[in-house]
Amino acid sequence: MAALLIFGRRFWPGIWLGALLNELATAASFSGQLDSAAIAAALLIASGSTLQAVVASVLSEKYLQPGLPKLETPGASWRFSCWPVRWPV
């Protein structure tokens, strides 16, 4: 999320690639081999991680300040920390 806030959302493929490589390495270290189920799971987890970072950066830019959020005022900190309370899933 920090990379997306600093450099913009055009860097989402880097997040996806890093998450995919991390999941593939984790799967390989546990089982010793990569089968199709492990690769599919790694692809899904990497996509979910990327989606999570993109949505969080979009919400940060929408409800805080564009770019890096500045949590210097109590109001900004309150808005940032109360997102889960305001919109329960």
N, C-alpha and C. Protein backbone atom coordinates (compact mmCIF):
# COMPACT_ATOMS: atom_id res chain seq x y z
N MET A 1 0.83 -1.18 0.00
CA MET A 1 0.00 0.00 0.00
C MET A 1 0.88 1.25 0.00
N ALA A 2 1.97 1.20 0.71
CA ALA A 2 2.85 2.37 0.78
C ALA A 2 3.39 2.71 -0.61
N ALA A 3 3.76 1.71 -1.38
CA ALA A 3 4.26 1.98 -2.73
C ALA A 3 3.19 2.62 -3.60
N LEU A 4 1.96 2.18 -3.44
CA LEU A 4 0.87 2.77 -4.22
C LEU A 4 0.58 4.19 -3.79
N LEU A 5 0.69 4.47 -2.52
CA LEU A 5 0.46 5.84 -2.05
C LEU A 5 1.58 6.78 -2.48
N ILE A 6 2.79 6.28 -2.50
CA ILE A 6 3.93 7.13 -2.85
C ILE A 6 4.06 7.29 -4.37
N PHE A 7 4.01 6.18 -5.10
CA PHE A 7 4.31 6.22 -6.53
C PHE A 7 3.06 6.18 -7.42
N GLY A 8 1.91 5.88 -6.88
CA GLY A 8 0.69 5.82 -7.68
C GLY A 8 0.26 4.40 -7.95
N ARG A 9 -0.97 4.28 -8.43
CA ARG A 9 -1.54 2.95 -8.65
C ARG A 9 -0.96 2.23 -9.86
N ARG A 10 -0.15 2.89 -10.66
CA ARG A 10 0.43 2.22 -11.82
C ARG A 10 1.45 1.15 -11.41
N PHE A 11 1.81 1.09 -10.14
CA PHE A 11 2.78 0.11 -9.65
C PHE A 11 2.13 -1.16 -9.12
N TRP A 12 0.82 -1.35 -9.37
CA TRP A 12 0.16 -2.53 -8.84
C TRP A 12 0.74 -3.84 -9.41
N PRO A 13 1.25 -3.90 -10.66
CA PRO A 13 1.83 -5.17 -11.10
C PRO A 13 3.03 -5.62 -10.27
N GLY A 14 3.79 -4.67 -9.74
CA GLY A 14 4.91 -5.02 -8.88
C GLY A 14 4.46 -5.66 -7.58
N ILE A 15 3.35 -5.17 -7.05
CA ILE A 15 2.80 -5.78 -5.84
C ILE A 15 2.32 -7.19 -6.14
N TRP A 16 1.66 -7.35 -7.28
CA TRP A 16 1.15 -8.67 -7.65
C TRP A 16 2.31 -9.66 -7.86
N LEU A 17 3.34 -9.22 -8.56
CA LEU A 17 4.48 -10.10 -8.83
C LEU A 17 5.20 -10.48 -7.53
N GLY A 18 5.41 -9.51 -6.65
CA GLY A 18 6.05 -9.81 -5.38
C GLY A 18 5.24 -10.76 -4.52
N ALA A 19 3.93 -10.57 -4.49
CA ALA A 19 3.07 -11.47 -3.72
C ALA A 19 3.07 -12.86 -4.33
N LEU A 20 3.05 -12.95 -5.66
CA LEU A 20 3.06 -14.26 -6.32
C LEU A 20 4.35 -15.00 -6.03
N LEU A 21 5.48 -14.33 -6.17
CA LEU A 21 6.77 -14.99 -5.89
C LEU A 21 6.87 -15.42 -4.44
N ASN A 22 6.35 -14.61 -3.54
CA ASN A 22 6.37 -14.96 -2.13
C ASN A 22 5.52 -16.21 -1.87
N GLU A 23 4.34 -16.27 -2.45
CA GLU A 23 3.47 -17.43 -2.24
C GLU A 23 4.03 -18.69 -2.89
N LEU A 24 4.63 -18.55 -4.06
CA LEU A 24 5.24 -19.72 -4.70
C LEU A 24 6.42 -20.24 -3.90
N ALA A 25 7.22 -19.33 -3.36
CA ALA A 25 8.36 -19.76 -2.54
C ALA A 25 7.88 -20.43 -1.26
N THR A 26 6.82 -19.90 -0.67
CA THR A 26 6.28 -20.50 0.54
C THR A 26 5.72 -21.89 0.25
N ALA A 27 4.98 -22.02 -0.84
CA ALA A 27 4.41 -23.32 -1.20
C ALA A 27 5.51 -24.34 -1.50
N ALA A 28 6.56 -23.91 -2.18
CA ALA A 28 7.66 -24.81 -2.51
C ALA A 28 8.43 -25.23 -1.26
N SER A 29 8.55 -24.35 -0.30
CA SER A 29 9.30 -24.71 0.90
C SER A 29 8.52 -25.70 1.78
N PHE A 30 7.20 -25.63 1.73
CA PHE A 30 6.41 -26.56 2.55
C PHE A 30 6.29 -27.93 1.91
N SER A 31 6.02 -27.99 0.62
CA SER A 31 5.77 -29.28 -0.02
C SER A 31 6.97 -29.80 -0.79
N GLY A 32 7.92 -28.97 -1.10
CA GLY A 32 9.08 -29.40 -1.87
C GLY A 32 8.86 -29.40 -3.36
N GLN A 33 7.63 -29.21 -3.79
CA GLN A 33 7.32 -29.15 -5.21
C GLN A 33 6.12 -28.24 -5.43
N LEU A 34 5.95 -27.81 -6.66
CA LEU A 34 4.82 -26.95 -7.01
C LEU A 34 3.89 -27.71 -7.93
N ASP A 35 2.73 -28.06 -7.43
CA ASP A 35 1.74 -28.68 -8.28
C ASP A 35 0.73 -27.63 -8.74
N SER A 36 -0.22 -28.03 -9.55
CA SER A 36 -1.16 -27.06 -10.12
C SER A 36 -2.04 -26.42 -9.06
N ALA A 37 -2.37 -27.15 -8.01
CA ALA A 37 -3.19 -26.57 -6.93
C ALA A 37 -2.42 -25.49 -6.19
N ALA A 38 -1.14 -25.70 -5.94
CA ALA A 38 -0.32 -24.70 -5.25
C ALA A 38 -0.14 -23.46 -6.11
N ILE A 39 0.01 -23.64 -7.41
CA ILE A 39 0.16 -22.50 -8.31
C ILE A 39 -1.15 -21.71 -8.39
N ALA A 40 -2.27 -22.43 -8.47
CA ALA A 40 -3.57 -21.74 -8.50
C ALA A 40 -3.82 -20.97 -7.22
N ALA A 41 -3.49 -21.58 -6.09
CA ALA A 41 -3.66 -20.88 -4.81
C ALA A 41 -2.76 -19.66 -4.73
N ALA A 42 -1.53 -19.77 -5.21
CA ALA A 42 -0.62 -18.63 -5.20
C ALA A 42 -1.13 -17.50 -6.09
N LEU A 43 -1.70 -17.83 -7.24
CA LEU A 43 -2.26 -16.82 -8.12
C LEU A 43 -3.44 -16.10 -7.47
N LEU A 44 -4.31 -16.85 -6.82
CA LEU A 44 -5.46 -16.25 -6.16
C LEU A 44 -5.05 -15.39 -4.97
N ILE A 45 -4.12 -15.86 -4.19
CA ILE A 45 -3.67 -15.09 -3.03
C ILE A 45 -2.97 -13.81 -3.47
N ALA A 46 -2.14 -13.90 -4.51
CA ALA A 46 -1.46 -12.70 -5.03
C ALA A 46 -2.47 -11.69 -5.57
N SER A 47 -3.50 -12.18 -6.24
CA SER A 47 -4.54 -11.27 -6.75
C SER A 47 -5.30 -10.62 -5.61
N GLY A 48 -5.60 -11.38 -4.57
CA GLY A 48 -6.28 -10.81 -3.41
C GLY A 48 -5.43 -9.80 -2.67
N SER A 49 -4.16 -10.07 -2.55
CA SER A 49 -3.26 -9.12 -1.89
C SER A 49 -3.15 -7.83 -2.67
N THR A 50 -3.08 -7.93 -3.98
CA THR A 50 -3.00 -6.75 -4.82
C THR A 50 -4.30 -5.94 -4.75
N LEU A 51 -5.42 -6.63 -4.81
CA LEU A 51 -6.70 -5.95 -4.71
C LEU A 51 -6.84 -5.23 -3.37
N GLN A 52 -6.38 -5.86 -2.33
CA GLN A 52 -6.42 -5.25 -1.00
C GLN A 52 -5.60 -3.96 -0.96
N ALA A 53 -4.41 -3.98 -1.52
CA ALA A 53 -3.55 -2.79 -1.51
C ALA A 53 -4.14 -1.68 -2.38
N VAL A 54 -4.71 -2.03 -3.54
CA VAL A 54 -5.28 -1.02 -4.42
C VAL A 54 -6.51 -0.38 -3.78
N VAL A 55 -7.38 -1.19 -3.20
CA VAL A 55 -8.58 -0.64 -2.55
C VAL A 55 -8.19 0.24 -1.36
N ALA A 56 -7.22 -0.19 -0.59
CA ALA A 56 -6.79 0.61 0.56
C ALA A 56 -6.18 1.94 0.11
N SER A 57 -5.43 1.94 -0.97
CA SER A 57 -4.85 3.20 -1.45
C SER A 57 -5.93 4.11 -2.02
N VAL A 58 -6.92 3.54 -2.70
CA VAL A 58 -8.01 4.36 -3.24
C VAL A 58 -8.80 5.00 -2.09
N LEU A 59 -9.11 4.21 -1.08
CA LEU A 59 -9.84 4.76 0.06
C LEU A 59 -9.01 5.79 0.82
N SER A 60 -7.71 5.56 0.92
CA SER A 60 -6.85 6.54 1.59
C SER A 60 -6.84 7.86 0.84
N GLU A 61 -6.74 7.79 -0.47
CA GLU A 61 -6.72 9.01 -1.26
C GLU A 61 -8.07 9.70 -1.25
N LYS A 62 -9.15 8.93 -1.16
CA LYS A 62 -10.48 9.53 -1.18
C LYS A 62 -10.83 10.19 0.14
N TYR A 63 -10.53 9.54 1.24
CA TYR A 63 -10.97 10.04 2.53
C TYR A 63 -9.90 10.79 3.31
N LEU A 64 -8.66 10.68 2.89
CA LEU A 64 -7.60 11.46 3.53
C LEU A 64 -7.11 12.49 2.51
N GLN A 65 -5.84 12.65 2.39
CA GLN A 65 -5.30 13.60 1.43
C GLN A 65 -4.64 12.83 0.30
N PRO A 66 -4.62 13.38 -0.91
CA PRO A 66 -3.96 12.69 -2.02
C PRO A 66 -2.48 12.45 -1.72
N GLY A 67 -1.96 11.38 -2.28
CA GLY A 67 -0.57 11.01 -2.02
C GLY A 67 -0.44 10.33 -0.68
N LEU A 68 0.61 10.63 0.01
CA LEU A 68 0.82 10.03 1.33
C LEU A 68 -0.12 10.66 2.34
N PRO A 69 -0.91 9.86 3.06
CA PRO A 69 -1.84 10.47 4.02
C PRO A 69 -1.09 11.12 5.17
N LYS A 70 -1.53 12.28 5.52
CA LYS A 70 -0.93 13.00 6.64
C LYS A 70 -1.87 12.89 7.83
N LEU A 71 -1.45 12.13 8.80
CA LEU A 71 -2.28 11.88 9.98
C LEU A 71 -1.85 12.79 11.12
N GLU A 72 -1.65 14.07 10.81
CA GLU A 72 -1.15 14.99 11.82
C GLU A 72 -2.25 15.57 12.68
N THR A 73 -3.46 15.65 12.16
CA THR A 73 -4.55 16.21 12.94
C THR A 73 -5.37 15.09 13.57
N PRO A 74 -6.01 15.35 14.69
CA PRO A 74 -6.84 14.31 15.30
C PRO A 74 -7.98 13.85 14.40
N GLY A 75 -8.54 14.77 13.62
CA GLY A 75 -9.63 14.39 12.72
C GLY A 75 -9.19 13.41 11.65
N ALA A 76 -8.01 13.65 11.07
CA ALA A 76 -7.50 12.74 10.04
C ALA A 76 -7.19 11.37 10.63
N SER A 77 -6.61 11.34 11.79
CA SER A 77 -6.33 10.06 12.45
C SER A 77 -7.62 9.33 12.79
N TRP A 78 -8.61 10.06 13.22
CA TRP A 78 -9.90 9.45 13.57
C TRP A 78 -10.56 8.85 12.33
N ARG A 79 -10.57 9.59 11.22
CA ARG A 79 -11.17 9.06 9.99
C ARG A 79 -10.44 7.82 9.51
N PHE A 80 -9.11 7.85 9.58
CA PHE A 80 -8.32 6.71 9.11
C PHE A 80 -8.55 5.47 9.96
N SER A 81 -8.62 5.64 11.28
CA SER A 81 -8.74 4.48 12.16
C SER A 81 -10.15 3.95 12.28
N CYS A 82 -11.14 4.73 11.89
CA CYS A 82 -12.53 4.29 12.05
C CYS A 82 -13.16 3.74 10.77
N TRP A 83 -12.40 3.51 9.73
CA TRP A 83 -12.97 2.91 8.52
C TRP A 83 -13.65 1.58 8.79
N PRO A 84 -13.01 0.66 9.51
CA PRO A 84 -13.68 -0.64 9.72
C PRO A 84 -14.95 -0.52 10.54
N VAL A 85 -15.03 0.46 11.40
CA VAL A 85 -16.23 0.62 12.24
C VAL A 85 -17.37 1.22 11.44
N ARG A 86 -17.04 2.14 10.54
CA ARG A 86 -18.08 2.83 9.78
C ARG A 86 -18.72 1.95 8.72
N TRP A 87 -17.93 1.06 8.11
CA TRP A 87 -18.46 0.22 7.04
C TRP A 87 -18.21 -1.26 7.35
N PRO A 88 -19.02 -1.85 8.24
CA PRO A 88 -18.80 -3.27 8.50
C PRO A 88 -19.17 -4.11 7.28
N VAL A 89 -18.47 -5.19 7.12
CA VAL A 89 -18.71 -6.06 5.96
C VAL A 89 -19.81 -7.04 6.28
